[in-house]
Amino acid sequence: MTPFEIVANITITVSIISAGRNSFHTWWTGIVGCLLFVVVYYQAQLYADVALQLFFVVASAVGWWQWLYGKNGEVLPVTKASVQTLLWSTLIGLAAAICYGGLLHRYTNAYAPYIDSVVLVFSIIAQVLLMQRRIETWPFWLIVNSVAVPLYASRGLYLTSVLYAGYWVNAVISWRYWHKLKQELPVAELGNEFA
C-alpha cells in the first residue's frame, strides 16, 4: 500500500459519499482523487483505469457545471433515464469493453484487459448518468464496484478493493436516497441539497 493509494482512496471516498448525498463537493474532491489514482493505477499496470481517471477529471469539471447551471441556468434536478437510453448504453458499453479489452490485450502488458475494460466503460456510463443527475447512475456503479473489487484485490490494491466494496454499499443507499429526492423535492428545492 503506497501513500498515493491511501490519500487517493480517502479523497475519492469523500467524493463518492458526497455524490450519494447529492452534494456538489463530489466534483472537486473527485478531481483531486482521480489525479492521485492516475499514479496508483499506472504503477499497477491498469492502463484502462489510468485513462478512466483522466476522463473523470474532465467529466468532474463538466459535471460540476451541469449540476449548478445545467438546466436553463438553474440547478439540474434528479431525474430518471429512459429504458431505451439504458438499453443502448448497456449494449454499446459491452461492445466497447470487448473492443478496448482487445486493444489492451494486443498492444500492452495490461493485467486482465477485458475485465479492466468493463470497469472503464461502465464507469464512463455511470459517470455520464451522474453528470446528468439520473437515478440510474447507482445501478451502473453497482456493476462497476462488483467487478472492481476482485480486480483490484488481484493486483494487491487491498485498500482500494475494500473501499470499492464499501462503495457498493454506498451505491445501494444512494440509489434509494435519490429515488426519495426525486419523489419528495420540487425542482426549486434541489439547490438546498448542495450543503
Protein backbone atom coordinates (compact mmCIF):
# COMPACT_ATOMS: atom_id res chain seq x y z
CA MET A 1 0.00 0.00 0.00
CA THR A 2 1.51 3.31 -1.09
CA PRO A 3 0.88 6.80 0.28
CA PHE A 4 -0.69 7.71 -3.09
CA GLU A 5 -3.15 4.83 -2.75
CA ILE A 6 -4.11 5.86 0.80
CA VAL A 7 -4.65 9.55 0.01
CA ALA A 8 -6.37 8.79 -3.30
CA ASN A 9 -8.81 6.46 -1.56
CA ILE A 10 -9.59 8.92 1.21
CA THR A 11 -10.26 11.69 -1.31
CA ILE A 12 -12.36 9.51 -3.61
CA THR A 13 -14.36 8.20 -0.65
CA VAL A 14 -15.29 11.78 0.26
CA SER A 15 -16.24 12.37 -3.38
CA ILE A 16 -18.40 9.25 -3.63
CA ILE A 17 -20.22 9.87 -0.38
CA SER A 18 -20.80 13.48 -1.49
CA ALA A 19 -22.31 12.23 -4.77
CA GLY A 20 -24.63 9.92 -2.87
CA ARG A 21 -25.72 12.84 -0.71
CA ASN A 22 -26.35 14.94 -3.83
CA SER A 23 -23.62 17.45 -2.93
CA PHE A 24 -21.59 19.46 -5.44
CA HIS A 25 -18.48 18.75 -3.32
CA THR A 26 -18.36 15.43 -5.17
CA TRP A 27 -16.81 17.20 -8.16
CA TRP A 28 -13.73 18.99 -6.79
CA THR A 29 -12.83 16.12 -4.44
CA GLY A 30 -13.25 13.77 -7.37
CA ILE A 31 -10.79 15.75 -9.46
CA VAL A 32 -8.11 15.59 -6.77
CA GLY A 33 -8.67 11.90 -6.05
CA CYS A 34 -8.62 10.94 -9.72
CA LEU A 35 -5.32 12.69 -10.31
CA LEU A 36 -3.83 10.69 -7.43
CA PHE A 37 -5.28 7.45 -8.80
CA VAL A 38 -3.57 8.07 -12.15
CA VAL A 39 -0.29 7.36 -10.36
CA VAL A 40 -1.66 4.35 -8.43
CA TYR A 41 -3.12 2.62 -11.48
CA TYR A 42 -0.14 3.37 -13.70
CA GLN A 43 2.15 1.67 -11.21
CA ALA A 44 -0.24 -1.35 -11.10
CA GLN A 45 -0.26 -1.59 -14.92
CA LEU A 46 -4.03 -0.98 -15.05
CA TYR A 47 -3.85 1.30 -18.07
CA ALA A 48 -7.58 1.34 -18.77
CA ASP A 49 -8.02 2.68 -15.25
CA VAL A 50 -5.40 5.39 -15.89
CA ALA A 51 -7.38 6.51 -18.94
CA LEU A 52 -10.57 6.35 -16.89
CA GLN A 53 -9.16 8.60 -14.18
CA LEU A 54 -8.14 11.19 -16.77
CA PHE A 55 -11.68 11.03 -18.19
CA PHE A 56 -13.07 11.52 -14.67
CA VAL A 57 -11.02 14.69 -14.19
CA VAL A 58 -12.60 16.27 -17.29
CA ALA A 59 -16.04 14.80 -16.54
CA SER A 60 -15.93 16.16 -12.99
CA ALA A 61 -15.36 19.68 -14.23
CA VAL A 62 -18.27 19.31 -16.69
CA GLY A 63 -20.49 17.61 -14.09
CA TRP A 64 -19.84 20.38 -11.58
CA TRP A 65 -21.01 22.93 -14.14
CA GLN A 66 -24.02 20.85 -15.20
CA TRP A 67 -25.27 20.33 -11.66
CA LEU A 68 -25.09 24.04 -10.93
CA TYR A 69 -26.24 25.52 -14.27
CA GLY A 70 -27.37 22.57 -16.38
CA LYS A 71 -31.00 23.39 -16.99
CA ASN A 72 -31.52 26.87 -18.36
CA GLY A 73 -29.01 28.27 -15.89
CA GLU A 74 -30.77 26.54 -12.98
CA VAL A 75 -29.83 23.64 -10.73
CA LEU A 76 -30.19 20.34 -12.57
CA PRO A 77 -32.93 18.18 -10.98
CA VAL A 78 -32.68 14.48 -10.15
CA THR A 79 -34.48 12.57 -12.93
CA LYS A 80 -34.84 9.10 -14.43
CA ALA A 81 -33.30 7.92 -17.70
CA SER A 82 -35.48 6.24 -20.31
CA VAL A 83 -35.44 2.46 -20.72
CA GLN A 84 -34.25 2.95 -24.30
CA THR A 85 -31.28 5.04 -23.13
CA LEU A 86 -30.32 2.41 -20.57
CA LEU A 87 -30.63 -0.45 -23.07
CA TRP A 88 -28.48 1.27 -25.70
CA SER A 89 -25.95 2.36 -23.08
CA THR A 90 -25.58 -1.23 -21.88
CA LEU A 91 -25.24 -2.73 -25.37
CA ILE A 92 -22.77 -0.09 -26.53
CA GLY A 93 -20.90 -0.47 -23.25
CA LEU A 94 -20.47 -4.22 -23.69
CA ALA A 95 -19.26 -3.79 -27.29
CA ALA A 96 -16.83 -1.03 -26.28
CA ALA A 97 -15.46 -3.11 -23.38
CA ILE A 98 -14.76 -6.03 -25.72
CA CYS A 99 -13.08 -3.79 -28.31
CA TYR A 100 -10.98 -1.84 -25.82
CA GLY A 101 -10.05 -5.01 -23.95
CA GLY A 102 -8.87 -6.50 -27.25
CA LEU A 103 -6.68 -3.47 -27.91
CA LEU A 104 -5.15 -3.62 -24.44
CA HIS A 105 -4.59 -7.36 -24.79
CA ARG A 106 -2.86 -7.00 -28.14
CA TYR A 107 -0.79 -3.84 -27.64
CA THR A 108 0.04 -3.58 -23.93
CA ASN A 109 1.14 -5.66 -20.97
CA ALA A 110 -2.14 -4.84 -19.20
CA TYR A 111 -3.30 -7.15 -16.46
CA ALA A 112 -6.84 -8.55 -17.08
CA PRO A 113 -7.50 -6.26 -20.05
CA TYR A 114 -11.12 -7.29 -20.65
CA ILE A 115 -12.16 -7.05 -17.01
CA ASP A 116 -10.30 -3.76 -16.66
CA SER A 117 -12.13 -2.52 -19.76
CA VAL A 118 -15.53 -3.41 -18.26
CA VAL A 119 -14.63 -1.23 -15.26
CA LEU A 120 -13.58 1.58 -17.60
CA VAL A 121 -16.57 1.54 -19.95
CA PHE A 122 -19.29 1.07 -17.36
CA SER A 123 -17.69 3.70 -15.12
CA ILE A 124 -17.96 6.13 -18.03
CA ILE A 125 -21.63 5.28 -18.49
CA ALA A 126 -22.26 5.65 -14.74
CA GLN A 127 -20.36 8.95 -14.69
CA VAL A 128 -22.37 10.37 -17.60
CA LEU A 129 -25.58 9.42 -15.80
CA LEU A 130 -24.25 11.04 -12.62
CA MET A 131 -23.37 14.21 -14.54
CA GLN A 132 -26.98 14.27 -15.81
CA ARG A 133 -28.25 13.58 -12.28
CA ARG A 134 -30.01 10.39 -13.36
CA ILE A 135 -31.06 7.94 -10.66
CA GLU A 136 -29.82 5.03 -12.76
CA THR A 137 -26.22 6.07 -12.16
CA TRP A 138 -26.33 3.98 -9.00
CA PRO A 139 -27.13 0.55 -10.51
CA PHE A 140 -24.32 1.13 -13.01
CA TRP A 141 -21.97 1.91 -10.12
CA LEU A 142 -23.10 -1.36 -8.51
CA ILE A 143 -21.94 -3.24 -11.63
CA VAL A 144 -18.62 -1.39 -11.68
CA ASN A 145 -17.95 -1.98 -8.00
CA SER A 146 -18.85 -5.67 -8.27
CA VAL A 147 -16.22 -6.14 -10.99
CA ALA A 148 -13.61 -3.79 -9.49
CA VAL A 149 -13.38 -5.39 -6.03
CA PRO A 150 -11.81 -8.69 -7.17
CA LEU A 151 -9.78 -6.99 -9.92
CA TYR A 152 -8.07 -4.58 -7.54
CA ALA A 153 -7.54 -7.29 -4.90
CA SER A 154 -5.81 -9.43 -7.54
CA ARG A 155 -3.29 -6.61 -8.10
CA GLY A 156 -2.53 -6.17 -4.41
CA LEU A 157 -4.57 -2.96 -4.13
CA TYR A 158 -6.27 -4.25 -0.99
CA LEU A 159 -7.30 -0.90 0.46
CA THR A 160 -8.82 0.10 -2.87
CA SER A 161 -10.61 -3.25 -3.09
CA VAL A 162 -12.09 -2.96 0.41
CA LEU A 163 -13.20 0.59 -0.26
CA TYR A 164 -14.87 -0.42 -3.54
CA ALA A 165 -16.83 -2.98 -1.52
CA GLY A 166 -17.89 -0.08 0.69
CA TYR A 167 -18.77 1.94 -2.43
CA TRP A 168 -21.06 -0.92 -3.44
CA VAL A 169 -23.00 -0.40 -0.18
CA ASN A 170 -22.94 3.36 -0.75
CA ALA A 171 -24.43 2.86 -4.23
CA VAL A 172 -27.35 0.88 -2.78
CA ILE A 173 -28.02 3.54 -0.14
CA SER A 174 -27.60 6.37 -2.66
CA TRP A 175 -29.95 4.71 -5.15
CA ARG A 176 -32.70 4.67 -2.52
CA TYR A 177 -31.88 8.22 -1.40
CA TRP A 178 -32.02 9.61 -4.95
CA HIS A 179 -35.40 7.93 -5.50
CA LYS A 180 -36.60 9.71 -2.37
CA LEU A 181 -35.16 13.02 -3.59
CA LYS A 182 -36.94 12.74 -6.92
CA GLN A 183 -40.25 11.97 -5.24
CA GLU A 184 -40.10 14.48 -2.38
CA LEU A 185 -38.21 17.56 -3.54
CA PRO A 186 -39.59 20.05 -6.01
CA VAL A 187 -37.00 21.28 -8.52
CA ALA A 188 -36.73 24.66 -6.77
CA GLU A 189 -35.58 23.00 -3.54
CA LEU A 190 -32.87 20.82 -5.07
CA GLY A 191 -30.35 23.62 -4.71
CA ASN A 192 -30.58 23.25 -0.93
CA GLU A 193 -29.06 19.77 -1.24
CA PHE A 194 -25.68 21.30 -2.10
CA ALA A 195 -24.69 21.93 1.51
